[in-house]
Amino acid sequence: MAEPDGSIADDMPEIIDVVLEMGRAPEEPPAQAPTPALQAVSTPRLPAHLDALADRARDYVEAASSANTRRAYASDWKHFSSWCRRQGFALLPPDPQTVGLYITALASGSATGTASGDKKSVSTIERRLSALTWNYAQRGQPLDRKDRAITTVMAGIRNKHAAPPRQKEAVLPEDLVAMLETLKRGTLRGLRDRAMLLVGFAGALRRSEIVGLDVGRDQTEDGRGWIEVYDKGMLVTLRGKTGWREVEIGRGSSDATCPVVALEIWLKFARIAHGPLFRRVIARGKAVGAKRLNGQEVARLVKRTALAAGVRGDLAEGERANLFAGHSLRAGLASSAEVDERYVQKQLGHASAEMTRKYQRRRDRFRVNLTKASGL
């Protein structure tokens, strides 16, 4: 689904072009309307002294959403554009009826243009709809998502195709200890993976948050946070979707399972004092590269070690392979920490307790028994 970074810039309208177009006086309509659905905007060259300002504006446009979101939205727009061309529909101006037909095609599996069909889930269709809304807004022609041609079809899709969410399995403390035992001791890769698993679990971090950490503040342009180590633990400062937040990771009861100790050992032997915290191990395991890992590496690490450790060995191999991912670490802490729920909610960075409960896979759902409380 993800498109290369270059495709994003090619598919997104230039912000300066949009601004210039907004300030331009309306022109007389041409004698014959052009046939292409999406016309390129012809704009004059900016004055030289505004080039730096234009570059900064583009940076702010990119900062408004994550790189993963922009990649997904660009890919979704490309798919919608291809579908419109095959059906003979115009991309602009936005037409709710066209969008309604498109999401119908996604739900029925006829949007790919192939005989096999590929029915999209409700969550995928909602993401596609958000992508279209965003892309149309960037082009200065908002899509009316409240139009009946969209809302009625979407309501029908939800009623007919919505399924209960499939949650990833929680990695509990005993599972994590077994997973750590599968790592090669005394190797750089083993030390790194050990620190990633322990820090991710104890901090209830998302995979993007784990790999986005730097050693210190303001050390890299793509950093999403940094760490500060103290006698009693470690403070992790993270930049999320809604702003900055702090996560406290206390030292463990044993050095063997302490996330702070594991991280200190990794930094020492990897000789990392500045920049990305978790990086690739190169030169056949003898050196550490300069670039940070990506979030997929965390998901693969969790899945690989969970399978190797025999976590949920009561299930068939095929079922187990789909149970584990980066979210298994967050769910593991939420499910196993025997503390007041509000502390777990703060650690996960959730705005509501209800969201936190969704991560508590094996909590006692009947701790509050309203049947008995009512006298029955």
Protein backbone atom coordinates (compact mmCIF):
# COMPACT_ATOMS: atom_id res chain seq x y z
CA MET A 1 0.00 0.00 0.00
CA ALA A 2 2.77 2.44 0.89
CA GLU A 3 4.17 4.53 -1.91
CA PRO A 4 7.77 5.79 -2.11
CA ASP A 5 8.38 9.19 -0.58
CA GLY A 6 8.87 10.73 -4.00
CA SER A 7 5.31 9.93 -5.06
CA ILE A 8 3.93 12.05 -2.25
CA ALA A 9 5.54 15.22 -3.51
CA ASP A 10 4.50 14.40 -7.06
CA ASP A 11 0.86 13.83 -6.13
CA MET A 12 0.35 16.69 -3.65
CA PRO A 13 -0.38 20.20 -4.93
CA GLU A 14 2.31 22.75 -4.21
CA ILE A 15 1.17 24.94 -1.35
CA ILE A 16 2.63 28.06 -2.92
CA ASP A 17 0.76 27.35 -6.14
CA VAL A 18 -2.45 27.03 -4.16
CA VAL A 19 -1.83 30.30 -2.33
CA LEU A 20 -1.08 32.17 -5.54
CA GLU A 21 -4.15 30.73 -7.20
CA MET A 22 -6.35 31.87 -4.31
CA GLY A 23 -5.20 35.46 -4.78
CA ARG A 24 -5.59 35.52 -8.54
CA ALA A 25 -8.55 37.23 -10.18
CA PRO A 26 -10.97 34.82 -11.86
CA GLU A 27 -10.33 34.37 -15.56
CA GLU A 28 -12.82 34.16 -18.36
CA PRO A 29 -13.86 30.55 -19.00
CA PRO A 30 -12.23 29.01 -22.07
CA ALA A 31 -14.29 28.53 -25.20
CA GLN A 32 -13.99 24.76 -24.85
CA ALA A 33 -13.48 23.07 -21.48
CA PRO A 34 -10.30 21.01 -21.26
CA THR A 35 -10.85 17.26 -21.13
CA PRO A 36 -8.39 16.03 -18.46
CA ALA A 37 -10.05 15.51 -15.07
CA LEU A 38 -7.31 17.13 -13.00
CA GLN A 39 -5.63 20.20 -14.45
CA ALA A 40 -2.21 21.41 -13.39
CA VAL A 41 -2.21 24.92 -11.96
CA SER A 42 -0.08 27.34 -13.95
CA THR A 43 1.44 29.94 -11.68
CA PRO A 44 4.12 32.58 -11.99
CA ARG A 45 7.52 32.09 -10.44
CA LEU A 46 7.79 33.34 -6.87
CA PRO A 47 10.10 36.29 -6.23
CA ALA A 48 13.56 35.06 -5.24
CA HIS A 49 13.37 36.56 -1.77
CA LEU A 50 10.33 34.35 -0.99
CA ASP A 51 11.96 31.05 -1.91
CA ALA A 52 13.11 30.38 1.64
CA LEU A 53 9.66 31.19 2.98
CA ALA A 54 8.09 28.82 0.45
CA ASP A 55 10.43 26.03 1.52
CA ARG A 56 9.50 26.61 5.14
CA ALA A 57 5.80 26.54 4.24
CA ARG A 58 6.26 23.17 2.54
CA ASP A 59 8.02 21.87 5.66
CA TYR A 60 5.06 22.92 7.78
CA VAL A 61 2.66 21.21 5.39
CA GLU A 62 4.59 17.97 5.82
CA ALA A 63 4.73 18.42 9.60
CA ALA A 64 0.93 18.64 9.74
CA SER A 65 0.71 14.86 9.33
CA SER A 66 3.06 11.93 9.80
CA ALA A 67 5.06 10.48 6.93
CA ASN A 68 3.12 7.21 7.20
CA THR A 69 -0.18 9.06 6.94
CA ARG A 70 0.98 11.03 3.90
CA ARG A 71 2.19 7.86 2.20
CA ALA A 72 -1.12 6.14 2.85
CA TYR A 73 -3.16 9.14 1.68
CA ALA A 74 -1.09 9.46 -1.49
CA SER A 75 -1.54 5.77 -2.23
CA ASP A 76 -5.30 5.99 -1.62
CA TRP A 77 -5.63 9.02 -3.92
CA LYS A 78 -3.71 7.20 -6.63
CA HIS A 79 -6.05 4.21 -6.33
CA PHE A 80 -9.14 6.44 -6.48
CA SER A 81 -7.74 8.31 -9.49
CA SER A 82 -7.15 5.05 -11.36
CA TRP A 83 -10.66 3.85 -10.56
CA CYS A 84 -12.18 7.12 -11.80
CA ARG A 85 -10.25 6.90 -15.07
CA ARG A 86 -11.47 3.35 -15.67
CA GLN A 87 -15.06 4.36 -14.99
CA GLY A 88 -14.88 7.58 -17.00
CA PHE A 89 -15.49 9.84 -13.99
CA ALA A 90 -13.86 13.22 -13.44
CA LEU A 91 -11.78 13.75 -10.32
CA LEU A 92 -12.71 17.41 -9.98
CA PRO A 93 -14.92 18.89 -8.80
CA PRO A 94 -15.56 16.38 -5.98
CA ASP A 95 -18.79 14.48 -6.56
CA PRO A 96 -20.35 12.68 -3.54
CA GLN A 97 -22.18 10.29 -5.88
CA THR A 98 -18.89 9.25 -7.47
CA VAL A 99 -17.34 8.72 -4.02
CA GLY A 100 -20.41 6.74 -2.95
CA LEU A 101 -19.99 4.44 -5.94
CA TYR A 102 -16.27 4.10 -5.19
CA ILE A 103 -16.76 2.98 -1.58
CA THR A 104 -19.44 0.58 -2.82
CA ALA A 105 -16.89 -0.89 -5.21
CA LEU A 106 -14.40 -1.23 -2.35
CA ALA A 107 -16.90 -3.08 -0.18
CA SER A 108 -18.02 -5.38 -3.00
CA GLY A 109 -14.51 -6.14 -4.23
CA SER A 110 -14.95 -4.64 -7.69
CA ALA A 111 -12.67 -1.61 -7.29
CA THR A 112 -9.49 -3.28 -8.47
CA GLY A 113 -10.65 -3.96 -12.01
CA THR A 114 -9.71 -7.64 -11.72
CA ALA A 115 -11.94 -10.68 -11.83
CA SER A 116 -10.74 -12.04 -8.47
CA GLY A 117 -11.99 -9.08 -6.42
CA ASP A 118 -10.65 -7.79 -3.15
CA LYS A 119 -13.28 -6.78 -0.60
CA LYS A 120 -11.98 -4.12 1.74
CA SER A 121 -12.74 -4.05 5.45
CA VAL A 122 -14.87 -1.30 6.97
CA SER A 123 -11.81 0.26 8.64
CA THR A 124 -9.94 0.33 5.31
CA ILE A 125 -12.89 1.96 3.54
CA GLU A 126 -13.17 4.60 6.28
CA ARG A 127 -9.45 5.28 5.90
CA ARG A 128 -9.85 5.63 2.13
CA LEU A 129 -12.72 8.06 2.68
CA SER A 130 -10.58 10.14 5.05
CA ALA A 131 -7.79 10.14 2.47
CA LEU A 132 -10.12 11.46 -0.24
CA THR A 133 -11.43 14.16 2.10
CA TRP A 134 -7.89 15.27 2.91
CA ASN A 135 -6.72 15.25 -0.70
CA TYR A 136 -9.71 17.24 -1.90
CA ALA A 137 -9.19 19.76 0.90
CA GLN A 138 -5.55 20.21 -0.18
CA ARG A 139 -6.79 21.06 -3.66
CA GLY A 140 -9.14 23.73 -2.31
CA GLN A 141 -12.30 21.84 -3.22
CA PRO A 142 -13.75 20.22 -0.08
CA LEU A 143 -15.67 16.98 -0.31
CA ASP A 144 -19.05 17.01 1.47
CA ARG A 145 -18.82 13.79 3.52
CA LYS A 146 -22.27 14.50 5.01
CA ASP A 147 -23.93 14.16 1.63
CA ARG A 148 -26.52 11.36 1.61
CA ALA A 149 -24.78 9.69 -1.34
CA ILE A 150 -21.88 8.97 1.01
CA THR A 151 -23.41 8.70 4.50
CA THR A 152 -26.22 6.33 3.51
CA VAL A 153 -23.91 4.01 1.60
CA MET A 154 -21.34 4.07 4.41
CA ALA A 155 -24.02 3.27 7.01
CA GLY A 156 -25.11 0.28 4.95
CA ILE A 157 -21.53 -0.93 4.58
CA ARG A 158 -21.01 -0.74 8.35
CA ASN A 159 -24.24 -2.60 9.07
CA LYS A 160 -23.54 -5.37 6.58
CA HIS A 161 -19.77 -5.81 6.74
CA ALA A 162 -18.58 -4.53 10.12
CA ALA A 163 -16.84 -7.22 12.16
CA PRO A 164 -15.56 -7.28 15.75
CA PRO A 165 -12.02 -5.86 15.98
CA ARG A 166 -9.19 -8.39 15.83
CA GLN A 167 -6.82 -7.50 18.59
CA LYS A 168 -3.22 -8.55 18.83
CA GLU A 169 -2.26 -10.92 21.61
CA ALA A 170 -0.86 -9.35 24.76
CA VAL A 171 2.72 -10.24 25.64
CA LEU A 172 2.63 -10.83 29.40
CA PRO A 173 5.71 -10.63 31.69
CA GLU A 174 6.30 -14.40 31.67
CA ASP A 175 6.03 -14.34 27.87
CA LEU A 176 8.49 -11.48 27.64
CA VAL A 177 11.06 -13.27 29.79
CA ALA A 178 10.80 -16.32 27.53
CA MET A 179 11.16 -14.10 24.45
CA LEU A 180 14.31 -12.51 25.86
CA GLU A 181 15.84 -15.96 26.25
CA THR A 182 15.59 -16.54 22.50
CA LEU A 183 17.96 -13.64 21.76
CA LYS A 184 21.65 -14.28 21.20
CA ARG A 185 23.61 -13.23 24.24
CA GLY A 186 26.76 -11.17 23.86
CA THR A 187 25.92 -9.86 20.38
CA LEU A 188 25.11 -6.30 19.39
CA ARG A 189 21.89 -7.37 17.75
CA GLY A 190 20.88 -9.34 20.83
CA LEU A 191 21.61 -6.40 23.13
CA ARG A 192 19.65 -4.02 20.92
CA ASP A 193 16.64 -6.30 20.59
CA ARG A 194 16.62 -6.95 24.34
CA ALA A 195 16.54 -3.21 25.05
CA MET A 196 13.81 -2.61 22.45
CA LEU A 197 11.53 -5.28 23.90
CA LEU A 198 11.98 -4.19 27.51
CA VAL A 199 11.68 -0.45 26.86
CA GLY A 200 8.69 -0.98 24.57
CA PHE A 201 6.93 -3.13 27.17
CA ALA A 202 7.72 -1.06 30.28
CA GLY A 203 6.87 2.21 28.52
CA ALA A 204 3.83 0.77 26.71
CA LEU A 205 5.23 2.45 23.61
CA ARG A 206 4.01 2.22 20.05
CA ARG A 207 6.49 0.79 17.58
CA SER A 208 6.91 4.22 15.94
CA GLU A 209 7.66 5.72 19.35
CA ILE A 210 10.32 3.10 20.09
CA VAL A 211 12.29 3.65 16.89
CA GLY A 212 11.69 7.40 16.92
CA LEU A 213 13.67 7.96 20.12
CA ASP A 214 16.98 9.82 20.22
CA VAL A 215 19.61 9.77 22.95
CA GLY A 216 19.03 13.45 23.74
CA ARG A 217 16.81 16.37 22.91
CA ASP A 218 16.82 18.02 19.45
CA GLN A 219 19.52 15.75 18.05
CA THR A 220 17.89 14.72 14.76
CA GLU A 221 15.30 16.19 12.43
CA ASP A 222 13.24 13.00 12.28
CA GLY A 223 13.39 12.27 16.01
CA ARG A 224 10.09 11.79 17.83
CA GLY A 225 11.42 12.02 21.37
CA TRP A 226 14.37 11.43 23.68
CA ILE A 227 15.40 9.78 26.96
CA GLU A 228 16.78 10.98 30.30
CA VAL A 229 18.25 8.41 32.69
CA TYR A 230 18.07 8.89 36.46
CA ASP A 231 18.92 6.80 39.52
CA LYS A 232 15.36 5.53 39.92
CA GLY A 233 14.49 5.12 36.28
CA MET A 234 14.19 6.78 32.91
CA LEU A 235 12.04 9.61 31.59
CA VAL A 236 10.91 9.29 27.98
CA THR A 237 9.62 12.43 26.26
CA LEU A 238 7.47 11.67 23.21
CA ARG A 239 5.87 13.69 20.47
CA GLY A 240 2.52 12.19 19.59
CA LYS A 241 -0.51 13.07 17.50
CA THR A 242 -1.89 15.43 20.14
CA GLY A 243 1.35 16.96 21.39
CA TRP A 244 4.15 16.10 23.75
CA ARG A 245 3.86 13.68 26.66
CA GLU A 246 6.19 12.15 29.23
CA VAL A 247 6.46 8.47 30.14
CA GLU A 248 8.20 7.28 33.29
CA ILE A 249 9.96 3.92 33.14
CA GLY A 250 11.14 2.78 36.57
CA ARG A 251 14.05 0.43 37.14
CA GLY A 252 13.14 -3.24 37.45
CA SER A 253 13.48 -5.51 40.46
CA SER A 254 16.26 -7.42 38.67
CA ASP A 255 19.00 -6.27 36.30
CA ALA A 256 18.14 -9.20 34.03
CA THR A 257 14.73 -7.74 33.24
CA CYS A 258 15.34 -4.03 33.88
CA PRO A 259 14.62 -1.90 30.80
CA VAL A 260 16.94 0.88 31.97
CA VAL A 261 19.87 -1.50 32.50
CA ALA A 262 19.23 -3.15 29.13
CA LEU A 263 19.27 0.24 27.41
CA GLU A 264 22.43 1.37 29.20
CA ILE A 265 24.23 -1.83 28.16
CA TRP A 266 23.12 -1.39 24.52
CA LEU A 267 24.31 2.22 24.41
CA LYS A 268 27.64 1.29 25.99
CA PHE A 269 28.57 -1.56 23.67
CA ALA A 270 27.07 0.09 20.59
CA ARG A 271 29.03 3.27 21.45
CA ILE A 272 26.03 5.49 20.88
CA ALA A 273 26.13 8.89 22.58
CA HIS A 274 24.19 11.00 20.09
CA GLY A 275 21.38 10.60 17.58
CA PRO A 276 18.96 7.70 17.01
CA LEU A 277 18.65 5.27 19.90
CA PHE A 278 17.93 2.05 18.01
CA ARG A 279 19.88 1.48 14.80
CA ARG A 280 20.78 -1.26 12.37
CA VAL A 281 23.58 -3.64 13.18
CA ILE A 282 25.92 -3.95 10.20
CA ALA A 283 29.22 -5.55 9.17
CA ARG A 284 28.02 -9.04 10.05
CA GLY A 285 27.00 -8.00 13.52
CA LYS A 286 30.24 -6.23 14.41
CA ALA A 287 29.23 -2.59 14.01
CA VAL A 288 26.28 -0.23 14.34
CA GLY A 289 25.03 1.97 11.53
CA ALA A 290 24.01 5.62 11.73
CA LYS A 291 20.37 5.37 10.61
CA ARG A 292 17.46 4.48 12.88
CA LEU A 293 15.31 1.38 12.47
CA ASN A 294 11.76 1.61 11.15
CA GLY A 295 8.63 0.54 12.96
CA GLN A 296 8.29 -2.68 10.97
CA GLU A 297 11.46 -3.94 12.63
CA VAL A 298 9.74 -3.80 16.03
CA ALA A 299 6.73 -5.75 14.76
CA ARG A 300 8.96 -8.40 13.20
CA LEU A 301 11.02 -8.65 16.39
CA VAL A 302 7.95 -9.20 18.58
CA LYS A 303 6.51 -11.80 16.21
CA ARG A 304 9.80 -13.65 15.74
CA THR A 305 10.67 -13.91 19.42
CA ALA A 306 7.11 -14.75 20.48
CA LEU A 307 6.98 -17.65 18.03
CA ALA A 308 10.45 -18.83 19.02
CA ALA A 309 9.52 -18.72 22.71
CA GLY A 310 6.38 -20.77 22.12
CA VAL A 311 3.98 -18.08 23.34
CA ARG A 312 0.42 -19.35 22.89
CA GLY A 313 1.73 -22.73 21.95
CA ASP A 314 -1.79 -24.11 22.42
CA LEU A 315 -2.69 -22.70 19.01
CA ALA A 316 -1.74 -23.85 15.53
CA GLU A 317 1.33 -22.29 13.94
CA GLY A 318 -0.71 -20.41 11.35
CA GLU A 319 -2.92 -18.83 14.02
CA ARG A 320 0.01 -17.85 16.20
CA ALA A 321 1.77 -16.05 13.37
CA ASN A 322 -1.06 -13.51 13.12
CA LEU A 323 -1.39 -12.88 16.85
CA PHE A 324 1.70 -10.83 17.58
CA ALA A 325 2.86 -7.36 16.55
CA GLY A 326 4.24 -4.18 18.04
CA HIS A 327 0.96 -3.49 19.87
CA SER A 328 1.45 -6.73 21.81
CA LEU A 329 3.92 -4.90 24.05
CA ARG A 330 1.47 -2.08 24.88
CA ALA A 331 -1.32 -4.56 25.49
CA GLY A 332 1.01 -6.62 27.67
CA LEU A 333 1.73 -3.83 30.12
CA ALA A 334 -1.92 -2.74 30.18
CA SER A 335 -3.00 -6.31 30.92
CA SER A 336 -0.44 -7.13 33.60
CA ALA A 337 0.26 -3.98 35.63
CA GLU A 338 -1.52 -4.41 38.97
CA VAL A 339 -2.02 -0.71 39.70
CA ASP A 340 -4.84 1.80 39.63
CA GLU A 341 -6.24 2.02 36.11
CA ARG A 342 -5.56 5.74 35.83
CA TYR A 343 -1.80 5.10 35.99
CA VAL A 344 -2.03 2.61 33.13
CA GLN A 345 -4.12 5.10 31.16
CA LYS A 346 -1.46 7.78 31.64
CA GLN A 347 1.35 5.42 30.59
CA LEU A 348 -0.44 4.54 27.37
CA GLY A 349 -1.31 8.18 26.69
CA HIS A 350 -5.04 7.55 26.36
CA ALA A 351 -7.62 10.28 26.77
CA SER A 352 -10.23 7.88 28.14
CA ALA A 353 -10.30 4.86 30.43
CA GLU A 354 -12.49 3.07 27.89
CA MET A 355 -9.67 3.11 25.35
CA THR A 356 -7.26 1.74 27.95
CA ARG A 357 -9.63 -1.14 28.74
CA LYS A 358 -9.49 -2.20 25.10
CA TYR A 359 -5.80 -2.93 25.63
CA GLN A 360 -6.37 -4.97 28.77
CA ARG A 361 -6.73 -8.37 27.10
CA ARG A 362 -6.92 -10.52 30.24
CA ARG A 363 -8.32 -8.18 32.85
CA ASP A 364 -11.02 -9.39 35.21
CA ARG A 365 -14.11 -8.16 33.38
CA PHE A 366 -16.37 -9.21 36.23
CA ARG A 367 -14.49 -7.52 39.06
CA VAL A 368 -17.44 -5.15 39.40
CA ASN A 369 -20.47 -7.47 39.55
CA LEU A 370 -23.62 -5.42 39.06
CA THR A 371 -25.80 -8.54 39.37
CA LYS A 372 -24.71 -9.14 42.95
CA ALA A 373 -24.67 -5.42 43.68
CA SER A 374 -28.34 -5.27 42.73
CA GLY A 375 -29.16 -7.96 45.30
CA LEU A 376 -29.55 -10.99 43.01
